[in-house]
Amino acid sequence: MRLGKNIGPKNRLARLVAAIILFALAYYYYDAANPLVWLAAILGIIFLAEAASSFCVLHGIRGTKDMR
């Protein structure tokens, strides 16, 4: 099964900006023992991957598209 694009350019940009903000927060507040830093970094990676691939996992599960 081939996974197609399910998010548009505005959503890709929003995810990219969110990823940059999350990475900046994780870097600024870095403490290896703080789970919120790790959560921010992991979410940043997920958002960056979604922006790069134009595919949102949650939209894929629901079978929806948001091509704005």
PDB file of N, CA and C in Angstrom:
ATOM      1  N   MET A   1       0.830  -1.173   0.000  1.00  0.00           N
ATOM      2  CA  MET A   1       0.000   0.000   0.000  1.00  0.00           C
ATOM      3  C   MET A   1       0.882   1.247   0.000  1.00  0.00           C
ATOM      4  N   ARG A   2       0.643   2.117  -0.961  1.00  0.00           N
ATOM      5  CA  ARG A   2       1.428   3.344  -1.077  1.00  0.00           C
ATOM      6  C   ARG A   2       0.737   4.455  -0.297  1.00  0.00           C
ATOM      7  N   LEU A   3       1.503   5.135   0.509  1.00  0.00           N
ATOM      8  CA  LEU A   3       0.963   6.228   1.296  1.00  0.00           C
ATOM      9  C   LEU A   3       1.139   7.534   0.524  1.00  0.00           C
ATOM     10  N   GLY A   4       0.036   8.219   0.267  1.00  0.00           N
ATOM     11  CA  GLY A   4       0.094   9.480  -0.469  1.00  0.00           C
ATOM     12  C   GLY A   4       0.183  10.666   0.467  1.00  0.00           C
ATOM     13  N   LYS A   5       0.252  11.820  -0.128  1.00  0.00           N
ATOM     14  CA  LYS A   5       0.308  13.048   0.652  1.00  0.00           C
ATOM     15  C   LYS A   5      -1.078  13.343   1.221  1.00  0.00           C
ATOM     16  N   ASN A   6      -1.121  13.757   2.480  1.00  0.00           N
ATOM     17  CA  ASN A   6      -2.411  14.104   3.065  1.00  0.00           C
ATOM     18  C   ASN A   6      -2.384  15.431   3.816  1.00  0.00           C
ATOM     19  N   ILE A   7      -1.300  16.200   3.669  1.00  0.00           N
ATOM     20  CA  ILE A   7      -1.269  17.558   4.209  1.00  0.00           C
ATOM     21  C   ILE A   7      -0.711  18.498   3.150  1.00  0.00           C
ATOM     22  N   GLY A   8      -1.206  19.712   3.156  1.00  0.00           N
ATOM     23  CA  GLY A   8      -0.822  20.695   2.160  1.00  0.00           C
ATOM     24  C   GLY A   8       0.329  21.576   2.611  1.00  0.00           C
ATOM     25  N   PRO A   9       0.669  22.580   1.795  1.00  0.00           N
ATOM     26  CA  PRO A   9       1.837  23.423   2.076  1.00  0.00           C
ATOM     27  C   PRO A   9       1.726  24.254   3.351  1.00  0.00           C
ATOM     28  N   LYS A  10       0.543  24.764   3.660  1.00  0.00           N
ATOM     29  CA  LYS A  10       0.411  25.557   4.897  1.00  0.00           C
ATOM     30  C   LYS A  10       0.604  24.678   6.133  1.00  0.00           C
ATOM     31  N   ASN A  11       0.073  23.465   6.096  1.00  0.00           N
ATOM     32  CA  ASN A  11       0.259  22.548   7.217  1.00  0.00           C
ATOM     33  C   ASN A  11       1.705  22.078   7.319  1.00  0.00           C
ATOM     34  N   ARG A  12       2.369  21.903   6.188  1.00  0.00           N
ATOM     35  CA  ARG A  12       3.782  21.536   6.220  1.00  0.00           C
ATOM     36  C   ARG A  12       4.600  22.633   6.875  1.00  0.00           C
ATOM     37  N   LEU A  13       4.309  23.885   6.527  1.00  0.00           N
ATOM     38  CA  LEU A  13       5.023  25.010   7.111  1.00  0.00           C
ATOM     39  C   LEU A  13       4.757  25.100   8.611  1.00  0.00           C
ATOM     40  N   ALA A  14       3.501  24.898   9.010  1.00  0.00           N
ATOM     41  CA  ALA A  14       3.156  24.936  10.438  1.00  0.00           C
ATOM     42  C   ALA A  14       3.896  23.855  11.209  1.00  0.00           C
ATOM     43  N   ARG A  15       4.003  22.664  10.632  1.00  0.00           N
ATOM     44  CA  ARG A  15       4.720  21.577  11.298  1.00  0.00           C
ATOM     45  C   ARG A  15       6.219  21.862  11.362  1.00  0.00           C
ATOM     46  N   LEU A  16       6.759  22.475  10.326  1.00  0.00           N
ATOM     47  CA  LEU A  16       8.174  22.821  10.328  1.00  0.00           C
ATOM     48  C   LEU A  16       8.473  23.871  11.400  1.00  0.00           C
ATOM     49  N   VAL A  17       7.635  24.885  11.502  1.00  0.00           N
ATOM     50  CA  VAL A  17       7.816  25.915  12.521  1.00  0.00           C
ATOM     51  C   VAL A  17       7.687  25.305  13.916  1.00  0.00           C
ATOM     52  N   ALA A  18       6.698  24.430  14.105  1.00  0.00           N
ATOM     53  CA  ALA A  18       6.521  23.771  15.402  1.00  0.00           C
ATOM     54  C   ALA A  18       7.744  22.921  15.749  1.00  0.00           C
ATOM     55  N   ALA A  19       8.306  22.224  14.769  1.00  0.00           N
ATOM     56  CA  ALA A  19       9.488  21.399  15.016  1.00  0.00           C
ATOM     57  C   ALA A  19      10.676  22.266  15.433  1.00  0.00           C
ATOM     58  N   ILE A  20      10.855  23.395  14.764  1.00  0.00           N
ATOM     59  CA  ILE A  20      11.968  24.288  15.102  1.00  0.00           C
ATOM     60  C   ILE A  20      11.799  24.834  16.522  1.00  0.00           C
ATOM     61  N   ILE A  21      10.575  25.219  16.872  1.00  0.00           N
ATOM     62  CA  ILE A  21      10.315  25.733  18.222  1.00  0.00           C
ATOM     63  C   ILE A  21      10.562  24.650  19.265  1.00  0.00           C
ATOM     64  N   LEU A  22      10.105  23.437  19.003  1.00  0.00           N
ATOM     65  CA  LEU A  22      10.311  22.346  19.962  1.00  0.00           C
ATOM     66  C   LEU A  22      11.790  22.012  20.125  1.00  0.00           C
ATOM     67  N   PHE A  23      12.539  22.002  19.015  1.00  0.00           N
ATOM     68  CA  PHE A  23      13.980  21.755  19.120  1.00  0.00           C
ATOM     69  C   PHE A  23      14.671  22.864  19.906  1.00  0.00           C
ATOM     70  N   ALA A  24      14.258  24.109  19.674  1.00  0.00           N
ATOM     71  CA  ALA A  24      14.858  25.230  20.399  1.00  0.00           C
ATOM     72  C   ALA A  24      14.560  25.131  21.894  1.00  0.00           C
ATOM     73  N   LEU A  25      13.333  24.776  22.247  1.00  0.00           N
ATOM     74  CA  LEU A  25      12.983  24.607  23.660  1.00  0.00           C
ATOM     75  C   LEU A  25      13.766  23.459  24.295  1.00  0.00           C
ATOM     76  N   ALA A  26      13.892  22.355  23.573  1.00  0.00           N
ATOM     77  CA  ALA A  26      14.643  21.214  24.101  1.00  0.00           C
ATOM     78  C   ALA A  26      16.108  21.571  24.291  1.00  0.00           C
ATOM     79  N   TYR A  27      16.665  22.359  23.385  1.00  0.00           N
ATOM     80  CA  TYR A  27      18.060  22.768  23.505  1.00  0.00           C
ATOM     81  C   TYR A  27      18.251  23.754  24.659  1.00  0.00           C
ATOM     82  N   TYR A  28      17.340  24.728  24.747  1.00  0.00           N
ATOM     83  CA  TYR A  28      17.469  25.774  25.761  1.00  0.00           C
ATOM     84  C   TYR A  28      17.315  25.212  27.172  1.00  0.00           C
ATOM     85  N   TYR A  29      16.365  24.308  27.351  1.00  0.00           N
ATOM     86  CA  TYR A  29      16.100  23.741  28.673  1.00  0.00           C
ATOM     87  C   TYR A  29      16.739  22.369  28.860  1.00  0.00           C
ATOM     88  N   TYR A  30      17.788  22.071  28.099  1.00  0.00           N
ATOM     89  CA  TYR A  30      18.353  20.719  28.119  1.00  0.00           C
ATOM     90  C   TYR A  30      18.786  20.290  29.515  1.00  0.00           C
ATOM     91  N   ASP A  31      18.252  19.162  29.893  1.00  0.00           N
ATOM     92  CA  ASP A  31      18.642  18.447  31.111  1.00  0.00           C
ATOM     93  C   ASP A  31      18.275  16.994  30.836  1.00  0.00           C
ATOM     94  N   ALA A  32      19.272  16.119  30.793  1.00  0.00           N
ATOM     95  CA  ALA A  32      19.038  14.736  30.392  1.00  0.00           C
ATOM     96  C   ALA A  32      18.025  14.018  31.278  1.00  0.00           C
ATOM     97  N   ALA A  33      17.840  14.485  32.499  1.00  0.00           N
ATOM     98  CA  ALA A  33      16.909  13.829  33.410  1.00  0.00           C
ATOM     99  C   ALA A  33      15.487  14.374  33.289  1.00  0.00           C
ATOM    100  N   ASN A  34      15.284  15.414  32.507  1.00  0.00           N
ATOM    101  CA  ASN A  34      13.970  16.031  32.385  1.00  0.00           C
ATOM    102  C   ASN A  34      13.174  15.361  31.262  1.00  0.00           C
ATOM    103  N   PRO A  35      12.080  14.674  31.590  1.00  0.00           N
ATOM    104  CA  PRO A  35      11.312  13.980  30.547  1.00  0.00           C
ATOM    105  C   PRO A  35      10.620  14.937  29.580  1.00  0.00           C
ATOM    106  N   LEU A  36      10.330  16.164  29.997  1.00  0.00           N
ATOM    107  CA  LEU A  36       9.688  17.113  29.088  1.00  0.00           C
ATOM    108  C   LEU A  36      10.623  17.532  27.955  1.00  0.00           C
ATOM    109  N   VAL A  37      11.913  17.581  28.236  1.00  0.00           N
ATOM    110  CA  VAL A  37      12.893  17.884  27.188  1.00  0.00           C
ATOM    111  C   VAL A  37      12.901  16.772  26.151  1.00  0.00           C
ATOM    112  N   TRP A  38      12.878  15.543  26.623  1.00  0.00           N
ATOM    113  CA  TRP A  38      12.842  14.408  25.696  1.00  0.00           C
ATOM    114  C   TRP A  38      11.543  14.374  24.897  1.00  0.00           C
ATOM    115  N   LEU A  39      10.437  14.702  25.522  1.00  0.00           N
ATOM    116  CA  LEU A  39       9.159  14.748  24.827  1.00  0.00           C
ATOM    117  C   LEU A  39       9.178  15.821  23.742  1.00  0.00           C
ATOM    118  N   ALA A  40       9.712  16.990  24.055  1.00  0.00           N
ATOM    119  CA  ALA A  40       9.813  18.060  23.062  1.00  0.00           C
ATOM    120  C   ALA A  40      10.691  17.642  21.889  1.00  0.00           C
ATOM    121  N   ALA A  41      11.795  16.974  22.164  1.00  0.00           N
ATOM    122  CA  ALA A  41      12.691  16.529  21.097  1.00  0.00           C
ATOM    123  C   ALA A  41      12.029  15.471  20.219  1.00  0.00           C
ATOM    124  N   ILE A  42      11.334  14.528  20.828  1.00  0.00           N
ATOM    125  CA  ILE A  42      10.661  13.471  20.062  1.00  0.00           C
ATOM    126  C   ILE A  42       9.536  14.053  19.213  1.00  0.00           C
ATOM    127  N   LEU A  43       8.737  14.948  19.792  1.00  0.00           N
ATOM    128  CA  LEU A  43       7.680  15.593  19.016  1.00  0.00           C
ATOM    129  C   LEU A  43       8.265  16.436  17.883  1.00  0.00           C
ATOM    130  N   GLY A  44       9.392  17.085  18.129  1.00  0.00           N
ATOM    131  CA  GLY A  44      10.062  17.840  17.076  1.00  0.00           C
ATOM    132  C   GLY A  44      10.486  16.950  15.921  1.00  0.00           C
ATOM    133  N   ILE A  45      10.994  15.770  16.238  1.00  0.00           N
ATOM    134  CA  ILE A  45      11.389  14.821  15.193  1.00  0.00           C
ATOM    135  C   ILE A  45      10.175  14.365  14.398  1.00  0.00           C
ATOM    136  N   ILE A  46       9.080  14.069  15.087  1.00  0.00           N
ATOM    137  CA  ILE A  46       7.861  13.626  14.410  1.00  0.00           C
ATOM    138  C   ILE A  46       7.332  14.730  13.495  1.00  0.00           C
ATOM    139  N   PHE A  47       7.256  15.971  14.002  1.00  0.00           N
ATOM    140  CA  PHE A  47       6.766  17.074  13.181  1.00  0.00           C
ATOM    141  C   PHE A  47       7.677  17.331  11.990  1.00  0.00           C
ATOM    142  N   LEU A  48       8.981  17.222  12.193  1.00  0.00           N
ATOM    143  CA  LEU A  48       9.918  17.430  11.093  1.00  0.00           C
ATOM    144  C   LEU A  48       9.739  16.355  10.018  1.00  0.00           C
ATOM    145  N   ALA A  49       9.558  15.108  10.432  1.00  0.00           N
ATOM    146  CA  ALA A  49       9.341  14.025   9.473  1.00  0.00           C
ATOM    147  C   ALA A  49       8.025  14.216   8.715  1.00  0.00           C
ATOM    148  N   GLU A  50       6.986  14.660   9.413  1.00  0.00           N
ATOM    149  CA  GLU A  50       5.712  14.910   8.740  1.00  0.00           C
ATOM    150  C   GLU A  50       5.835  16.051   7.741  1.00  0.00           C
ATOM    151  N   ALA A  51       6.551  17.102   8.095  1.00  0.00           N
ATOM    152  CA  ALA A  51       6.731  18.226   7.177  1.00  0.00           C
ATOM    153  C   ALA A  51       7.533  17.801   5.950  1.00  0.00           C
ATOM    154  N   ALA A  52       8.528  16.972   6.144  1.00  0.00           N
ATOM    155  CA  ALA A  52       9.368  16.535   5.033  1.00  0.00           C
ATOM    156  C   ALA A  52       8.634  15.586   4.089  1.00  0.00           C
ATOM    157  N   SER A  53       7.734  14.759   4.627  1.00  0.00           N
ATOM    158  CA  SER A  53       7.069  13.750   3.813  1.00  0.00           C
ATOM    159  C   SER A  53       5.667  14.140   3.357  1.00  0.00           C
ATOM    160  N   SER A  54       5.125  15.246   3.868  1.00  0.00           N
ATOM    161  CA  SER A  54       3.753  15.679   3.576  1.00  0.00           C
ATOM    162  C   SER A  54       2.729  14.619   3.976  1.00  0.00           C
ATOM    163  N   PHE A  55       3.052  13.843   4.976  1.00  0.00           N
ATOM    164  CA  PHE A  55       2.149  12.789   5.435  1.00  0.00           C
ATOM    165  C   PHE A  55       1.997  12.870   6.948  1.00  0.00           C
ATOM    166  N   CYS A  56       0.755  12.988   7.398  1.00  0.00           N
ATOM    167  CA  CYS A  56       0.455  13.008   8.824  1.00  0.00           C
ATOM    168  C   CYS A  56      -0.098  11.645   9.220  1.00  0.00           C
ATOM    169  N   VAL A  57       0.473  11.052  10.231  1.00  0.00           N
ATOM    170  CA  VAL A  57       0.062   9.723  10.667  1.00  0.00           C
ATOM    171  C   VAL A  57      -1.388   9.728  11.137  1.00  0.00           C
ATOM    172  N   LEU A  58      -1.776  10.736  11.916  1.00  0.00           N
ATOM    173  CA  LEU A  58      -3.146  10.779  12.423  1.00  0.00           C
ATOM    174  C   LEU A  58      -4.163  10.943  11.299  1.00  0.00           C
ATOM    175  N   HIS A  59      -3.847  11.757  10.298  1.00  0.00           N
ATOM    176  CA  HIS A  59      -4.737  11.859   9.141  1.00  0.00           C
ATOM    177  C   HIS A  59      -4.788  10.528   8.396  1.00  0.00           C
ATOM    178  N   GLY A  60      -3.670   9.840   8.313  1.00  0.00           N
ATOM    179  CA  GLY A  60      -3.637   8.540   7.650  1.00  0.00           C
ATOM    180  C   GLY A  60      -4.493   7.509   8.352  1.00  0.00           C
ATOM    181  N   ILE A  61      -4.460   7.510   9.671  1.00  0.00           N
ATOM    182  CA  ILE A  61      -5.272   6.562  10.443  1.00  0.00           C
ATOM    183  C   ILE A  61      -6.758   6.861  10.252  1.00  0.00           C
ATOM    184  N   ARG A  62      -7.107   8.152  10.286  1.00  0.00           N
ATOM    185  CA  ARG A  62      -8.516   8.539  10.144  1.00  0.00           C
ATOM    186  C   ARG A  62      -8.980   8.507   8.698  1.00  0.00           C
ATOM    187  N   GLY A  63      -8.067   8.487   7.749  1.00  0.00           N
ATOM    188  CA  GLY A  63      -8.435   8.485   6.341  1.00  0.00           C
ATOM    189  C   GLY A  63      -8.850   9.855   5.841  1.00  0.00           C
ATOM    190  N   THR A  64      -8.327  10.917   6.453  1.00  0.00           N
ATOM    191  CA  THR A  64      -8.687  12.275   6.056  1.00  0.00           C
ATOM    192  C   THR A  64      -7.505  12.971   5.398  1.00  0.00           C
ATOM    193  N   LYS A  65      -7.800  14.080   4.742  1.00  0.00           N
ATOM    194  CA  LYS A  65      -6.765  14.924   4.140  1.00  0.00           C
ATOM    195  C   LYS A  65      -7.032  16.362   4.543  1.00  0.00           C
ATOM    196  N   ASP A  66      -5.989  17.142   4.669  1.00  0.00           N
ATOM    197  CA  ASP A  66      -6.102  18.570   4.932  1.00  0.00           C
ATOM    198  C   ASP A  66      -5.094  19.246   4.015  1.00  0.00           C
ATOM    199  N   MET A  67      -5.542  19.585   2.833  1.00  0.00           N
ATOM    200  CA  MET A  67      -4.637  20.069   1.799  1.00  0.00           C
ATOM    201  C   MET A  67      -4.521  21.593   1.764  1.00  0.00           C
ATOM    202  N   ARG A  68      -4.736  22.254   2.899  1.00  0.00           N
ATOM    203  CA  ARG A  68      -4.575  23.710   2.946  1.00  0.00           C
ATOM    204  C   ARG A  68      -3.130  24.068   2.902  1.00  0.00           C
TER     205      ARG A  68
END
